[in-house]
Amino acid sequence: MSDARVRVALIGCGTWGSNILRVLAQSPRAEVVAVADPRPHQRRNAEAIAPAAALVASLDEALDARPSAVLLATPAHTHAALV
């Protein structure tokens, strides 16, 4: 098994997203490379948890960080359009 870390972008940093971000930030197997949320205050909250991540407003901007995996933590009705 490889010791490589998975480059992860998190889309959405509300209640669920903040919890997911904490777990990712603590995982030795994940590297959070981007957190996207259209709300500036949510991005500021994410900065405290994952200071090295790119903090951006959109999925397209998060993809610029070249993640290997993308996690959606947005309202369920938005998932189809984002995928």
N, C-alpha and C. Protein backbone atom coordinates (compact mmCIF):
# COMPACT_ATOMS: atom_id res chain seq x y z
N MET A 1 0.83 -1.17 0.00
CA MET A 1 0.00 0.00 0.00
C MET A 1 0.89 1.24 0.00
N SER A 2 0.52 2.22 -0.78
CA SER A 2 1.29 3.45 -0.92
C SER A 2 1.09 4.37 0.27
N ASP A 3 2.13 5.13 0.59
CA ASP A 3 2.04 6.14 1.64
C ASP A 3 1.64 7.49 1.07
N ALA A 4 1.34 7.54 -0.22
CA ALA A 4 0.98 8.80 -0.86
C ALA A 4 -0.32 9.35 -0.28
N ARG A 5 -0.35 10.67 -0.17
CA ARG A 5 -1.56 11.34 0.32
C ARG A 5 -2.46 11.67 -0.86
N VAL A 6 -3.76 11.56 -0.65
CA VAL A 6 -4.73 11.89 -1.68
C VAL A 6 -5.00 13.39 -1.62
N ARG A 7 -4.88 14.06 -2.76
CA ARG A 7 -5.15 15.49 -2.86
C ARG A 7 -6.67 15.68 -2.97
N VAL A 8 -7.25 16.36 -1.98
CA VAL A 8 -8.70 16.46 -1.87
C VAL A 8 -9.16 17.91 -1.95
N ALA A 9 -10.25 18.12 -2.70
CA ALA A 9 -10.96 19.41 -2.70
C ALA A 9 -12.32 19.17 -2.05
N LEU A 10 -12.68 20.04 -1.15
CA LEU A 10 -13.97 19.97 -0.47
C LEU A 10 -14.85 21.08 -1.02
N ILE A 11 -16.03 20.71 -1.48
CA ILE A 11 -16.97 21.69 -2.03
C ILE A 11 -18.11 21.83 -1.03
N GLY A 12 -18.17 22.98 -0.41
CA GLY A 12 -19.18 23.26 0.61
C GLY A 12 -18.56 23.15 2.00
N CYS A 13 -18.68 24.22 2.77
CA CYS A 13 -18.08 24.20 4.10
C CYS A 13 -19.06 24.73 5.15
N GLY A 14 -20.29 24.27 5.04
CA GLY A 14 -21.29 24.60 6.05
C GLY A 14 -21.16 23.64 7.22
N THR A 15 -22.26 23.28 7.81
CA THR A 15 -22.24 22.42 9.00
C THR A 15 -21.58 21.07 8.72
N TRP A 16 -22.06 20.36 7.71
CA TRP A 16 -21.46 19.06 7.38
C TRP A 16 -20.06 19.23 6.82
N GLY A 17 -19.90 20.20 5.94
CA GLY A 17 -18.59 20.40 5.33
C GLY A 17 -17.51 20.71 6.34
N SER A 18 -17.82 21.51 7.34
CA SER A 18 -16.83 21.82 8.39
C SER A 18 -16.40 20.57 9.13
N ASN A 19 -17.34 19.68 9.40
CA ASN A 19 -17.00 18.42 10.07
C ASN A 19 -16.13 17.54 9.18
N ILE A 20 -16.51 17.45 7.91
CA ILE A 20 -15.70 16.67 6.97
C ILE A 20 -14.30 17.26 6.85
N LEU A 21 -14.21 18.57 6.78
CA LEU A 21 -12.91 19.23 6.67
C LEU A 21 -12.03 18.92 7.87
N ARG A 22 -12.58 18.93 9.06
CA ARG A 22 -11.78 18.60 10.25
C ARG A 22 -11.19 17.18 10.15
N VAL A 23 -12.03 16.25 9.72
CA VAL A 23 -11.56 14.86 9.59
C VAL A 23 -10.47 14.77 8.52
N LEU A 24 -10.68 15.42 7.38
CA LEU A 24 -9.67 15.40 6.32
C LEU A 24 -8.37 16.02 6.78
N ALA A 25 -8.46 17.14 7.46
CA ALA A 25 -7.25 17.85 7.91
C ALA A 25 -6.45 17.03 8.91
N GLN A 26 -7.11 16.16 9.64
CA GLN A 26 -6.43 15.33 10.64
C GLN A 26 -5.92 14.01 10.06
N SER A 27 -6.35 13.68 8.86
CA SER A 27 -5.98 12.40 8.27
C SER A 27 -4.58 12.44 7.68
N PRO A 28 -3.75 11.46 8.02
CA PRO A 28 -2.42 11.40 7.42
C PRO A 28 -2.47 10.96 5.95
N ARG A 29 -3.63 10.49 5.48
CA ARG A 29 -3.78 10.02 4.10
C ARG A 29 -4.35 11.06 3.17
N ALA A 30 -4.76 12.22 3.70
CA ALA A 30 -5.38 13.26 2.87
C ALA A 30 -4.58 14.55 2.94
N GLU A 31 -4.56 15.24 1.81
CA GLU A 31 -4.00 16.59 1.73
C GLU A 31 -5.11 17.48 1.18
N VAL A 32 -5.63 18.36 1.99
CA VAL A 32 -6.69 19.26 1.54
C VAL A 32 -6.04 20.36 0.70
N VAL A 33 -6.34 20.35 -0.60
CA VAL A 33 -5.72 21.32 -1.49
C VAL A 33 -6.64 22.50 -1.81
N ALA A 34 -7.95 22.32 -1.60
CA ALA A 34 -8.89 23.41 -1.88
C ALA A 34 -10.18 23.21 -1.09
N VAL A 35 -10.74 24.33 -0.67
CA VAL A 35 -12.07 24.36 -0.06
C VAL A 35 -12.85 25.43 -0.79
N ALA A 36 -13.99 25.03 -1.36
CA ALA A 36 -14.83 25.98 -2.10
C ALA A 36 -16.14 26.20 -1.37
N ASP A 37 -16.48 27.46 -1.21
CA ASP A 37 -17.78 27.84 -0.66
C ASP A 37 -18.03 29.28 -1.12
N PRO A 38 -19.24 29.57 -1.59
CA PRO A 38 -19.51 30.93 -2.06
C PRO A 38 -19.58 31.96 -0.94
N ARG A 39 -19.69 31.51 0.30
CA ARG A 39 -19.83 32.43 1.44
C ARG A 39 -18.47 32.74 2.06
N PRO A 40 -18.07 34.02 2.04
CA PRO A 40 -16.75 34.39 2.58
C PRO A 40 -16.54 33.96 4.03
N HIS A 41 -17.55 34.05 4.86
CA HIS A 41 -17.35 33.67 6.27
C HIS A 41 -17.08 32.18 6.42
N GLN A 42 -17.63 31.36 5.54
CA GLN A 42 -17.36 29.92 5.60
C GLN A 42 -15.92 29.64 5.15
N ARG A 43 -15.45 30.40 4.16
CA ARG A 43 -14.05 30.23 3.75
C ARG A 43 -13.10 30.66 4.85
N ARG A 44 -13.43 31.73 5.58
CA ARG A 44 -12.58 32.15 6.71
C ARG A 44 -12.56 31.06 7.79
N ASN A 45 -13.71 30.45 8.05
CA ASN A 45 -13.74 29.35 9.03
C ASN A 45 -12.88 28.19 8.56
N ALA A 46 -12.91 27.89 7.27
CA ALA A 46 -12.12 26.78 6.72
C ALA A 46 -10.63 27.06 6.85
N GLU A 47 -10.26 28.32 6.74
CA GLU A 47 -8.84 28.69 6.82
C GLU A 47 -8.23 28.29 8.17
N ALA A 48 -9.01 28.37 9.22
CA ALA A 48 -8.52 27.98 10.55
C ALA A 48 -8.26 26.48 10.64
N ILE A 49 -8.98 25.71 9.85
CA ILE A 49 -8.85 24.25 9.89
C ILE A 49 -7.81 23.74 8.89
N ALA A 50 -7.80 24.35 7.71
CA ALA A 50 -6.89 23.91 6.63
C ALA A 50 -6.19 25.13 6.04
N PRO A 51 -5.23 25.70 6.77
CA PRO A 51 -4.61 26.96 6.33
C PRO A 51 -3.82 26.86 5.02
N ALA A 52 -3.38 25.68 4.64
CA ALA A 52 -2.60 25.54 3.41
C ALA A 52 -3.48 25.37 2.17
N ALA A 53 -4.77 25.14 2.37
CA ALA A 53 -5.67 24.91 1.24
C ALA A 53 -5.99 26.22 0.52
N ALA A 54 -6.24 26.11 -0.77
CA ALA A 54 -6.76 27.25 -1.53
C ALA A 54 -8.21 27.44 -1.10
N LEU A 55 -8.57 28.65 -0.72
CA LEU A 55 -9.93 28.95 -0.28
C LEU A 55 -10.60 29.74 -1.38
N VAL A 56 -11.57 29.12 -2.03
CA VAL A 56 -12.15 29.69 -3.25
C VAL A 56 -13.67 29.67 -3.18
N ALA A 57 -14.30 30.37 -4.12
CA ALA A 57 -15.75 30.52 -4.10
C ALA A 57 -16.48 29.48 -4.95
N SER A 58 -15.78 28.79 -5.85
CA SER A 58 -16.51 27.91 -6.77
C SER A 58 -15.79 26.58 -7.01
N LEU A 59 -16.56 25.64 -7.52
CA LEU A 59 -16.02 24.33 -7.90
C LEU A 59 -14.92 24.50 -8.94
N ASP A 60 -15.17 25.31 -9.96
CA ASP A 60 -14.16 25.50 -11.01
C ASP A 60 -12.83 25.98 -10.45
N GLU A 61 -12.89 26.91 -9.50
CA GLU A 61 -11.65 27.40 -8.88
C GLU A 61 -10.98 26.29 -8.07
N ALA A 62 -11.76 25.47 -7.40
CA ALA A 62 -11.19 24.36 -6.61
C ALA A 62 -10.49 23.36 -7.52
N LEU A 63 -11.03 23.14 -8.70
CA LEU A 63 -10.41 22.20 -9.63
C LEU A 63 -9.06 22.70 -10.13
N ASP A 64 -8.84 24.01 -10.08
CA ASP A 64 -7.53 24.56 -10.46
C ASP A 64 -6.41 24.04 -9.56
N ALA A 65 -6.75 23.59 -8.35
CA ALA A 65 -5.76 23.04 -7.43
C ALA A 65 -5.38 21.60 -7.78
N ARG A 66 -5.99 21.06 -8.82
CA ARG A 66 -5.69 19.71 -9.34
C ARG A 66 -5.85 18.61 -8.28
N PRO A 67 -7.04 18.54 -7.65
CA PRO A 67 -7.26 17.47 -6.67
C PRO A 67 -7.38 16.11 -7.34
N SER A 68 -7.08 15.08 -6.59
CA SER A 68 -7.30 13.70 -7.04
C SER A 68 -8.71 13.24 -6.70
N ALA A 69 -9.32 13.89 -5.70
CA ALA A 69 -10.66 13.54 -5.26
C ALA A 69 -11.40 14.83 -4.90
N VAL A 70 -12.71 14.81 -5.13
CA VAL A 70 -13.56 15.94 -4.78
C VAL A 70 -14.70 15.42 -3.92
N LEU A 71 -14.90 16.07 -2.78
CA LEU A 71 -16.00 15.71 -1.88
C LEU A 71 -17.04 16.81 -1.93
N LEU A 72 -18.29 16.42 -2.10
CA LEU A 72 -19.39 17.38 -2.10
C LEU A 72 -20.05 17.39 -0.74
N ALA A 73 -20.09 18.57 -0.13
CA ALA A 73 -20.79 18.76 1.15
C ALA A 73 -21.74 19.94 0.97
N THR A 74 -22.52 19.84 -0.08
CA THR A 74 -23.48 20.87 -0.43
C THR A 74 -24.88 20.30 -0.28
N PRO A 75 -25.92 21.14 -0.32
CA PRO A 75 -27.27 20.60 -0.24
C PRO A 75 -27.51 19.54 -1.33
N ALA A 76 -28.23 18.49 -0.98
CA ALA A 76 -28.42 17.36 -1.88
C ALA A 76 -28.96 17.77 -3.25
N HIS A 77 -29.81 18.76 -3.31
CA HIS A 77 -30.40 19.14 -4.60
C HIS A 77 -29.37 19.77 -5.56
N THR A 78 -28.16 20.09 -5.07
CA THR A 78 -27.13 20.67 -5.93
C THR A 78 -26.16 19.62 -6.49
N HIS A 79 -26.21 18.41 -5.97
CA HIS A 79 -25.21 17.40 -6.34
C HIS A 79 -25.19 17.07 -7.82
N ALA A 80 -26.34 16.86 -8.43
CA ALA A 80 -26.37 16.48 -9.84
C ALA A 80 -25.72 17.54 -10.71
N ALA A 81 -26.02 18.78 -10.49
CA ALA A 81 -25.44 19.85 -11.31
C ALA A 81 -23.92 19.96 -11.10
N LEU A 82 -23.46 19.76 -9.87
CA LEU A 82 -22.04 19.85 -9.60
C LEU A 82 -21.26 18.68 -10.20
N VAL A 83 -21.85 17.50 -10.15
CA VAL A 83 -21.18 16.33 -10.68
C VAL A 83 -21.11 16.44 -12.19
